[in-house]
Amino acid sequence: MERRYGRAQFLRDAIALGLPVRQAFSRAALRRQRDHLMREHHPDRGGSDERAREINDIYGRMIKWLDNRQKPQTRQNNDDGSATISDETGSIEEATSSKILRKAASVAIWAVTLAASSYIAARKARRR
């Protein structure tokens, strides 16, 4: 019988790889740590087959758990112009098109303002 692989085992595996718990949920940090360990323990570089296999098994379990943890979202357009976004956990968020457009416009304005101020600062620095 296969044991359930949950958060507790995931954290134990992170510690076994020498990965800080806060970084364990980052795929990039997990990959970097696996690559670092494999540089040390790869059989072609004088390491043991067993340790390399263990590192790869732990990495595979952790990636699989992270993939299963991210639930896909579904979107349903309503007749009144709003959209209902839900995931498998049942959380629901409604947003009208105008709210989404206002938010996108404010982000675009912020980006243009930032780009313009950076450009002005660079021109002033060149003049000096």
Protein backbone atom coordinates (compact mmCIF):
# COMPACT_ATOMS: atom_id res chain seq x y z
CA MET A 1 0.00 0.00 0.00
CA GLU A 2 1.40 3.37 -1.05
CA ARG A 3 1.60 6.08 1.61
CA ARG A 4 -0.07 9.40 0.99
CA TYR A 5 2.40 12.12 0.05
CA GLY A 6 1.32 15.33 1.73
CA ARG A 7 2.71 18.60 2.98
CA ALA A 8 4.52 17.03 5.95
CA GLN A 9 6.41 14.58 3.73
CA PHE A 10 7.09 17.37 1.23
CA LEU A 11 8.74 19.44 3.99
CA ARG A 12 10.75 16.42 5.22
CA ASP A 13 11.98 15.91 1.65
CA ALA A 14 12.93 19.59 1.41
CA ILE A 15 15.01 19.24 4.56
CA ALA A 16 16.58 16.04 3.21
CA LEU A 17 17.70 18.01 0.15
CA GLY A 18 19.09 20.75 2.38
CA LEU A 19 16.55 23.26 1.09
CA PRO A 20 15.18 25.92 3.47
CA VAL A 21 11.48 25.36 4.08
CA ARG A 22 10.48 28.79 2.75
CA GLN A 23 12.25 28.11 -0.55
CA ALA A 24 10.85 24.60 -0.92
CA PHE A 25 7.70 25.86 -2.65
CA SER A 26 9.70 27.57 -5.40
CA ARG A 27 10.24 25.34 -8.43
CA ALA A 28 13.33 27.35 -9.39
CA ALA A 29 14.93 27.02 -5.94
CA LEU A 30 14.10 23.32 -5.88
CA ARG A 31 15.69 22.83 -9.29
CA ARG A 32 18.82 24.80 -8.31
CA GLN A 33 19.27 22.73 -5.15
CA ARG A 34 18.81 19.48 -7.08
CA ASP A 35 21.36 20.58 -9.66
CA HIS A 36 23.80 21.60 -6.92
CA LEU A 37 23.47 18.23 -5.19
CA MET A 38 23.80 16.32 -8.45
CA ARG A 39 27.06 18.13 -9.23
CA GLU A 40 28.40 16.75 -5.95
CA HIS A 41 26.85 13.28 -5.94
CA HIS A 42 26.60 12.26 -9.60
CA PRO A 43 28.20 8.85 -10.25
CA ASP A 44 30.24 10.25 -13.16
CA ARG A 45 31.87 12.67 -10.72
CA GLY A 46 32.71 10.12 -8.06
CA GLY A 47 29.37 10.08 -6.22
CA SER A 48 27.25 7.06 -5.43
CA ASP A 49 24.45 5.73 -7.61
CA GLU A 50 22.22 5.32 -4.58
CA ARG A 51 22.53 8.95 -3.42
CA ALA A 52 21.96 10.28 -6.96
CA ARG A 53 18.87 8.07 -7.33
CA GLU A 54 17.60 9.26 -3.94
CA ILE A 55 18.05 12.93 -4.94
CA ASN A 56 16.20 12.38 -8.21
CA ASP A 57 13.39 10.45 -6.50
CA ILE A 58 12.89 13.17 -3.89
CA TYR A 59 12.97 15.87 -6.58
CA GLY A 60 10.40 13.97 -8.67
CA ARG A 61 8.04 13.53 -5.71
CA MET A 62 8.31 17.19 -4.77
CA ILE A 63 7.66 18.45 -8.32
CA LYS A 64 4.70 16.09 -8.68
CA TRP A 65 3.25 17.37 -5.39
CA LEU A 66 3.72 20.99 -6.47
CA ASP A 67 2.02 20.28 -9.82
CA ASN A 68 -0.95 18.59 -8.13
CA ARG A 69 -1.23 21.46 -5.67
CA GLN A 70 -1.97 24.02 -8.39
CA LYS A 71 -5.64 23.63 -9.28
CA PRO A 72 -6.85 24.67 -12.73
CA GLN A 73 -9.35 27.53 -12.85
CA THR A 74 -12.45 27.72 -14.98
CA ARG A 75 -14.10 30.88 -16.27
CA GLN A 76 -17.78 31.32 -17.05
CA ASN A 77 -19.08 34.44 -18.78
CA ASN A 78 -22.43 35.66 -17.49
CA ASP A 79 -25.19 37.45 -19.45
CA ASP A 80 -24.68 40.73 -17.56
CA GLY A 81 -21.06 41.11 -18.72
CA SER A 82 -19.51 39.75 -15.55
CA ALA A 83 -17.29 36.72 -15.32
CA THR A 84 -17.30 34.03 -12.65
CA ILE A 85 -13.90 32.49 -11.99
CA SER A 86 -13.78 29.36 -9.86
CA ASP A 87 -11.35 26.58 -9.04
CA GLU A 88 -11.81 23.05 -7.74
CA THR A 89 -11.69 24.22 -4.12
CA GLY A 90 -14.91 26.14 -4.66
CA SER A 91 -13.65 29.71 -4.21
CA ILE A 92 -15.51 32.06 -6.52
CA GLU A 93 -14.63 35.55 -7.68
CA GLU A 94 -16.83 37.80 -9.81
CA ALA A 95 -15.53 40.72 -11.79
CA THR A 96 -17.24 42.86 -14.38
CA SER A 97 -15.46 43.73 -17.59
CA SER A 98 -15.32 47.41 -16.67
CA LYS A 99 -13.53 46.63 -13.37
CA ILE A 100 -10.98 44.55 -15.21
CA LEU A 101 -10.46 47.27 -17.83
CA ARG A 102 -10.04 49.97 -15.14
CA LYS A 103 -7.43 47.88 -13.37
CA ALA A 104 -5.58 47.19 -16.64
CA ALA A 105 -5.65 50.91 -17.49
CA SER A 106 -4.25 51.89 -14.09
CA VAL A 107 -1.45 49.35 -14.47
CA ALA A 108 -0.67 50.65 -17.98
CA ILE A 109 -0.62 54.25 -16.74
CA TRP A 110 1.71 53.24 -13.91
CA ALA A 111 4.05 51.49 -16.37
CA VAL A 112 4.14 54.47 -18.73
CA THR A 113 4.79 56.84 -15.81
CA LEU A 114 7.62 54.66 -14.58
CA ALA A 115 9.16 54.43 -18.06
CA ALA A 116 8.91 58.19 -18.57
CA SER A 117 10.46 59.01 -15.20
CA SER A 118 13.28 56.54 -15.86
CA TYR A 119 13.90 58.12 -19.26
CA ILE A 120 13.95 61.63 -17.78
CA ALA A 121 16.32 60.58 -15.00
CA ALA A 122 18.67 58.96 -17.55
CA ARG A 123 18.68 62.13 -19.71
CA LYS A 124 19.45 64.31 -16.69
CA ALA A 125 22.28 61.99 -15.70
CA ARG A 126 23.78 62.22 -19.23
CA ARG A 127 23.67 66.02 -19.17
CA ARG A 128 25.79 66.20 -16.04
